[in-house]
Amino acid sequence: MPVYTYRCEHCGIQLDRHRKFTDEPLEVCPECGEHALRKLFQPVGIVFKGSGFYSTDNRSPSGASKKQGEKAEKAEKKSENTKETKTEAATKSASPPEK
């Protein structure tokens, strides 16, 4: 349940109450009994998680995310390794056996 903040316009008391969305707003002040209680609107706390939300975050030059860059590097290393093993296998089969 959300917490709503109310303030009495007559006596100035401020209070917080847990209320359902479907509940009617409070109108009667518990201190002075007047119908002067008003709901206050306060800023909402927002938490941004992940990269790309802050101006201090670094972007990759191509606009790709960091994970995509890591995947590309891994794929590049893997292709280099397979090229090396293919060339090693080719040179071993081309050379005469040692005695």
C-alpha atoms as a PDB file:
ATOM      1  CA  MET A   1       0.000   0.000   0.000  1.00  0.00           C
ATOM      2  CA  PRO A   2       1.290   3.458  -0.805  1.00  0.00           C
ATOM      3  CA  VAL A   3       1.975   6.047   1.861  1.00  0.00           C
ATOM      4  CA  TYR A   4       0.238   9.393   1.421  1.00  0.00           C
ATOM      5  CA  THR A   5       1.185  12.609   3.186  1.00  0.00           C
ATOM      6  CA  TYR A   6      -1.579  14.939   4.383  1.00  0.00           C
ATOM      7  CA  ARG A   7      -1.454  18.466   5.846  1.00  0.00           C
ATOM      8  CA  CYS A   8      -4.174  20.317   7.685  1.00  0.00           C
ATOM      9  CA  GLU A   9      -4.733  23.830   6.335  1.00  0.00           C
ATOM     10  CA  HIS A  10      -6.288  24.880   9.638  1.00  0.00           C
ATOM     11  CA  CYS A  11      -3.772  23.747  12.297  1.00  0.00           C
ATOM     12  CA  GLY A  12      -0.764  22.915  10.051  1.00  0.00           C
ATOM     13  CA  ILE A  13      -0.204  19.335  11.248  1.00  0.00           C
ATOM     14  CA  GLN A  14       1.366  17.003   8.713  1.00  0.00           C
ATOM     15  CA  LEU A  15       0.846  13.229   8.808  1.00  0.00           C
ATOM     16  CA  ASP A  16       1.545  10.114   6.739  1.00  0.00           C
ATOM     17  CA  ARG A  17      -1.035   7.354   6.231  1.00  0.00           C
ATOM     18  CA  HIS A  18      -1.022   4.008   4.442  1.00  0.00           C
ATOM     19  CA  ARG A  19      -3.967   4.056   2.064  1.00  0.00           C
ATOM     20  CA  LYS A  20      -5.211   1.838  -0.761  1.00  0.00           C
ATOM     21  CA  PHE A  21      -5.601   3.296  -4.233  1.00  0.00           C
ATOM     22  CA  THR A  22      -9.334   2.733  -3.980  1.00  0.00           C
ATOM     23  CA  ASP A  23      -9.722   4.470  -0.581  1.00  0.00           C
ATOM     24  CA  GLU A  24     -11.227   7.944  -0.455  1.00  0.00           C
ATOM     25  CA  PRO A  25      -8.741  10.658   0.591  1.00  0.00           C
ATOM     26  CA  LEU A  26      -8.842  11.750   4.226  1.00  0.00           C
ATOM     27  CA  GLU A  27     -10.604  15.073   4.842  1.00  0.00           C
ATOM     28  CA  VAL A  28     -11.036  15.420   8.627  1.00  0.00           C
ATOM     29  CA  CYS A  29      -7.969  16.428  10.662  1.00  0.00           C
ATOM     30  CA  PRO A  30      -7.353  14.077  13.626  1.00  0.00           C
ATOM     31  CA  GLU A  31      -5.970  17.003  15.713  1.00  0.00           C
ATOM     32  CA  CYS A  32      -8.457  19.815  15.276  1.00  0.00           C
ATOM     33  CA  GLY A  33     -11.417  17.967  13.703  1.00  0.00           C
ATOM     34  CA  GLU A  34     -11.779  20.460  10.824  1.00  0.00           C
ATOM     35  CA  HIS A  35     -12.440  19.459   7.204  1.00  0.00           C
ATOM     36  CA  ALA A  36      -9.178  21.035   6.097  1.00  0.00           C
ATOM     37  CA  LEU A  37      -6.951  17.997   5.469  1.00  0.00           C
ATOM     38  CA  ARG A  38      -5.310  18.049   2.005  1.00  0.00           C
ATOM     39  CA  LYS A  39      -3.153  15.468   0.278  1.00  0.00           C
ATOM     40  CA  LEU A  40       0.395  16.624  -0.502  1.00  0.00           C
ATOM     41  CA  PHE A  41       2.164  15.681  -3.698  1.00  0.00           C
ATOM     42  CA  GLN A  42       5.822  14.872  -3.177  1.00  0.00           C
ATOM     43  CA  PRO A  43       8.572  13.863  -5.597  1.00  0.00           C
ATOM     44  CA  VAL A  44       8.922  10.170  -6.270  1.00  0.00           C
ATOM     45  CA  GLY A  45      12.261   8.448  -5.759  1.00  0.00           C
ATOM     46  CA  ILE A  46      13.404   6.769  -8.968  1.00  0.00           C
ATOM     47  CA  VAL A  47      16.290   4.324  -9.210  1.00  0.00           C
ATOM     48  CA  PHE A  48      17.857   3.759 -12.617  1.00  0.00           C
ATOM     49  CA  LYS A  49      19.706   0.455 -12.907  1.00  0.00           C
ATOM     50  CA  GLY A  50      21.953  -0.611 -15.726  1.00  0.00           C
ATOM     51  CA  SER A  51      24.200   1.283 -18.083  1.00  0.00           C
ATOM     52  CA  GLY A  52      23.234   4.188 -20.270  1.00  0.00           C
ATOM     53  CA  PHE A  53      21.177   6.248 -17.839  1.00  0.00           C
ATOM     54  CA  TYR A  54      23.805   8.694 -16.638  1.00  0.00           C
ATOM     55  CA  SER A  55      25.805  11.305 -18.507  1.00  0.00           C
ATOM     56  CA  THR A  56      29.004   9.903 -16.976  1.00  0.00           C
ATOM     57  CA  ASP A  57      28.472   6.481 -18.557  1.00  0.00           C
ATOM     58  CA  ASN A  58      30.816   5.652 -21.392  1.00  0.00           C
ATOM     59  CA  ARG A  59      29.393   4.573 -24.696  1.00  0.00           C
ATOM     60  CA  SER A  60      31.124   2.474 -27.248  1.00  0.00           C
ATOM     61  CA  PRO A  61      31.971   4.434 -30.410  1.00  0.00           C
ATOM     62  CA  SER A  62      29.702   2.340 -32.616  1.00  0.00           C
ATOM     63  CA  GLY A  63      26.755   2.649 -30.248  1.00  0.00           C
ATOM     64  CA  ALA A  64      26.881  -1.070 -29.453  1.00  0.00           C
ATOM     65  CA  SER A  65      26.486  -2.123 -25.878  1.00  0.00           C
ATOM     66  CA  LYS A  66      29.407  -3.340 -23.799  1.00  0.00           C
ATOM     67  CA  LYS A  67      28.201  -6.943 -23.895  1.00  0.00           C
ATOM     68  CA  GLN A  68      27.955  -6.902 -27.686  1.00  0.00           C
ATOM     69  CA  GLY A  69      31.551  -5.647 -27.857  1.00  0.00           C
ATOM     70  CA  GLU A  70      32.711  -8.449 -25.560  1.00  0.00           C
ATOM     71  CA  LYS A  71      30.896 -11.034 -27.694  1.00  0.00           C
ATOM     72  CA  ALA A  72      32.572  -9.678 -30.824  1.00  0.00           C
ATOM     73  CA  GLU A  73      36.006  -9.855 -29.173  1.00  0.00           C
ATOM     74  CA  LYS A  74      35.422 -13.465 -28.089  1.00  0.00           C
ATOM     75  CA  ALA A  75      34.263 -14.444 -31.573  1.00  0.00           C
ATOM     76  CA  GLU A  76      37.324 -12.753 -33.099  1.00  0.00           C
ATOM     77  CA  LYS A  77      39.696 -14.588 -30.748  1.00  0.00           C
ATOM     78  CA  LYS A  78      37.957 -17.885 -31.466  1.00  0.00           C
ATOM     79  CA  SER A  79      38.284 -17.395 -35.232  1.00  0.00           C
ATOM     80  CA  GLU A  80      41.993 -16.557 -34.826  1.00  0.00           C
ATOM     81  CA  ASN A  81      42.516 -19.736 -32.800  1.00  0.00           C
ATOM     82  CA  THR A  82      40.796 -21.895 -35.431  1.00  0.00           C
ATOM     83  CA  LYS A  83      42.900 -20.295 -38.185  1.00  0.00           C
ATOM     84  CA  GLU A  84      46.069 -21.094 -36.240  1.00  0.00           C
ATOM     85  CA  THR A  85      45.088 -24.729 -35.696  1.00  0.00           C
ATOM     86  CA  LYS A  86      44.207 -25.137 -39.384  1.00  0.00           C
ATOM     87  CA  THR A  87      47.567 -23.731 -40.497  1.00  0.00           C
ATOM     88  CA  GLU A  88      49.423 -25.900 -37.944  1.00  0.00           C
ATOM     89  CA  ALA A  89      47.600 -28.994 -39.207  1.00  0.00           C
ATOM     90  CA  ALA A  90      48.404 -28.073 -42.818  1.00  0.00           C
ATOM     91  CA  THR A  91      52.105 -27.601 -42.115  1.00  0.00           C
ATOM     92  CA  LYS A  92      52.335 -30.903 -40.204  1.00  0.00           C
ATOM     93  CA  SER A  93      50.738 -32.865 -43.039  1.00  0.00           C
ATOM     94  CA  ALA A  94      52.919 -31.169 -45.684  1.00  0.00           C
ATOM     95  CA  SER A  95      56.216 -31.822 -43.917  1.00  0.00           C
ATOM     96  CA  PRO A  96      57.848 -35.301 -44.129  1.00  0.00           C
ATOM     97  CA  PRO A  97      57.704 -37.420 -40.977  1.00  0.00           C
ATOM     98  CA  GLU A  98      60.722 -37.150 -38.699  1.00  0.00           C
ATOM     99  CA  LYS A  99      62.911 -40.219 -37.940  1.00  0.00           C
END
